[in-house]
Protein backbone atom coordinates (compact mmCIF):
# COMPACT_ATOMS: atom_id res chain seq x y z
CA ASP A 1 1.74 -12.95 -9.58
CA PRO A 2 0.30 -9.50 -8.62
CA ARG A 3 2.67 -7.77 -10.62
CA PHE A 4 3.69 -4.94 -8.72
CA PHE A 5 5.49 -1.70 -10.06
CA THR A 6 5.13 -4.06 -13.32
CA GLY A 7 3.66 -0.39 -15.00
CA GLY A 8 5.71 2.22 -16.67
CA SER A 9 5.27 5.05 -13.63
CA ASP A 10 3.90 3.11 -10.47
CA LEU A 11 7.77 1.95 -8.36
CA ASP A 12 7.40 6.11 -9.16
CA ILE A 13 4.66 6.97 -7.84
CA PHE A 14 4.64 4.93 -4.69
CA LEU A 15 8.47 6.80 -3.86
CA LYS A 16 7.12 9.69 -3.83
CA GLY A 17 4.70 8.96 -0.87
CA ASN A 18 7.00 6.51 0.35
CA ALA A 19 6.47 6.64 4.60
CA SER A 20 9.81 5.05 5.41
CA GLN A 21 12.02 8.07 3.37
CA LEU A 22 9.62 10.35 5.43
CA ALA A 23 9.58 8.98 8.27
CA ARG A 24 14.05 9.26 8.00
CA ARG A 25 13.12 13.32 7.38
CA ILE A 26 11.12 13.31 10.31
CA PHE A 27 12.37 11.94 12.50
CA ASP A 28 15.81 13.10 11.93
CA THR A 29 14.97 16.83 12.86
CA PRO A 30 15.37 18.16 16.65
CA PRO A 31 14.17 17.24 19.46
CA LEU A 32 12.71 14.08 17.85
CA GLN A 33 16.23 13.14 16.88
CA GLU A 34 17.98 13.50 20.14
CA LEU A 35 15.08 10.91 21.91
CA LEU A 36 15.94 7.97 18.97
CA THR A 37 18.26 5.37 19.42
CA GLY A 38 17.61 3.66 16.10
CA GLU A 39 15.77 3.15 13.14
CA PHE A 40 13.69 -1.17 13.29
CA LEU A 41 12.43 -0.52 9.73
CA PRO A 42 14.46 -0.60 6.79
CA GLY A 43 16.86 -0.50 9.41
CA LEU A 44 20.56 2.01 8.17
CA ALA A 45 22.32 -1.29 7.15
CA VAL A 46 19.32 -2.17 4.13
CA VAL A 47 18.46 1.08 3.02
CA PRO A 48 22.28 3.33 3.81
CA GLU A 49 21.46 7.23 5.12
CA ASN A 50 21.75 8.91 2.39
CA ALA A 51 20.38 6.08 -0.32
CA SER A 52 19.82 6.85 -4.11
CA ASP A 53 16.45 5.71 -5.60
CA ALA A 54 17.62 3.21 -6.84
CA GLU A 55 18.52 1.89 -3.44
CA TRP A 56 14.54 2.45 -1.87
CA GLN A 57 13.89 1.02 -5.49
CA ASP A 58 15.54 -2.26 -4.48
CA TYR A 59 14.57 -2.51 -1.06
CA VAL A 60 10.80 -1.29 -1.96
CA LYS A 61 10.41 -4.62 -4.06
CA ALA A 62 12.19 -6.83 -2.12
CA GLY A 63 10.17 -6.51 0.76
CA TYR A 64 6.61 -5.32 -1.11
CA SER A 65 4.02 -7.27 -0.44
CA ALA A 66 -0.14 -6.72 -0.82
CA VAL A 67 -2.66 -7.69 1.75
CA LEU A 68 -5.21 -10.01 -0.43
CA HIS A 69 -8.27 -11.01 1.28
CA PRO A 70 -9.94 -13.56 -0.58
CA ILE A 71 -13.10 -13.01 1.34
CA GLY A 72 -15.74 -10.61 1.99
CA SER A 73 -19.48 -10.16 2.54
CA VAL A 74 -21.56 -7.01 0.54
CA PRO A 75 -25.50 -6.57 1.17
CA MET A 76 -27.78 -8.60 -0.35
CA LEU A 77 -30.19 -4.83 0.57
CA PRO A 78 -32.03 -2.97 -1.68
CA GLN A 79 -29.56 -0.16 -3.46
CA HIS A 80 -32.31 1.93 -1.35
CA ASN A 81 -30.52 1.31 1.71
CA GLY A 82 -27.37 1.20 1.12
CA GLY A 83 -27.23 -2.58 -0.47
CA ALA A 84 -24.86 -3.75 -2.96
CA VAL A 85 -26.25 -6.70 -4.44
CA GLY A 86 -30.15 -7.57 -5.30
CA PRO A 87 -31.44 -11.32 -5.43
CA ASP A 88 -29.98 -12.60 -8.63
CA LEU A 89 -26.29 -11.98 -6.64
CA ILE A 90 -26.03 -9.63 -9.65
CA VAL A 91 -23.74 -5.98 -8.20
CA TYR A 92 -26.54 -3.47 -8.46
CA GLY A 93 -24.86 -0.83 -11.80
CA THR A 94 -23.71 -3.62 -13.95
CA SER A 95 -25.31 -6.08 -15.84
CA ASN A 96 -23.07 -9.47 -15.92
CA VAL A 97 -21.28 -8.89 -12.43
CA ARG A 98 -22.18 -11.22 -9.86
CA VAL A 99 -21.32 -12.19 -6.05
CA VAL A 100 -20.89 -15.57 -5.84
């Protein structure tokens, strides 16, 4: 459980940059509003046109997920060549963080 939006202001900060709300405002202006036939996501049935902040919060909390990528790679090179770890697998600039 990554505990999304459990911090005091996490959800408020996220909603300030809510792309869905911004897209609605943009597409509700001429000439774009004349070109569109409807909204796919989130959809007016899910979040009404004049939704309150609480309705947007419910929508975000119900559907938010992160793309977690549990694997990756890190260059084992000298730091001056762009490396992140040395031959001992210790991350440069740390004393006890290793990449395994």
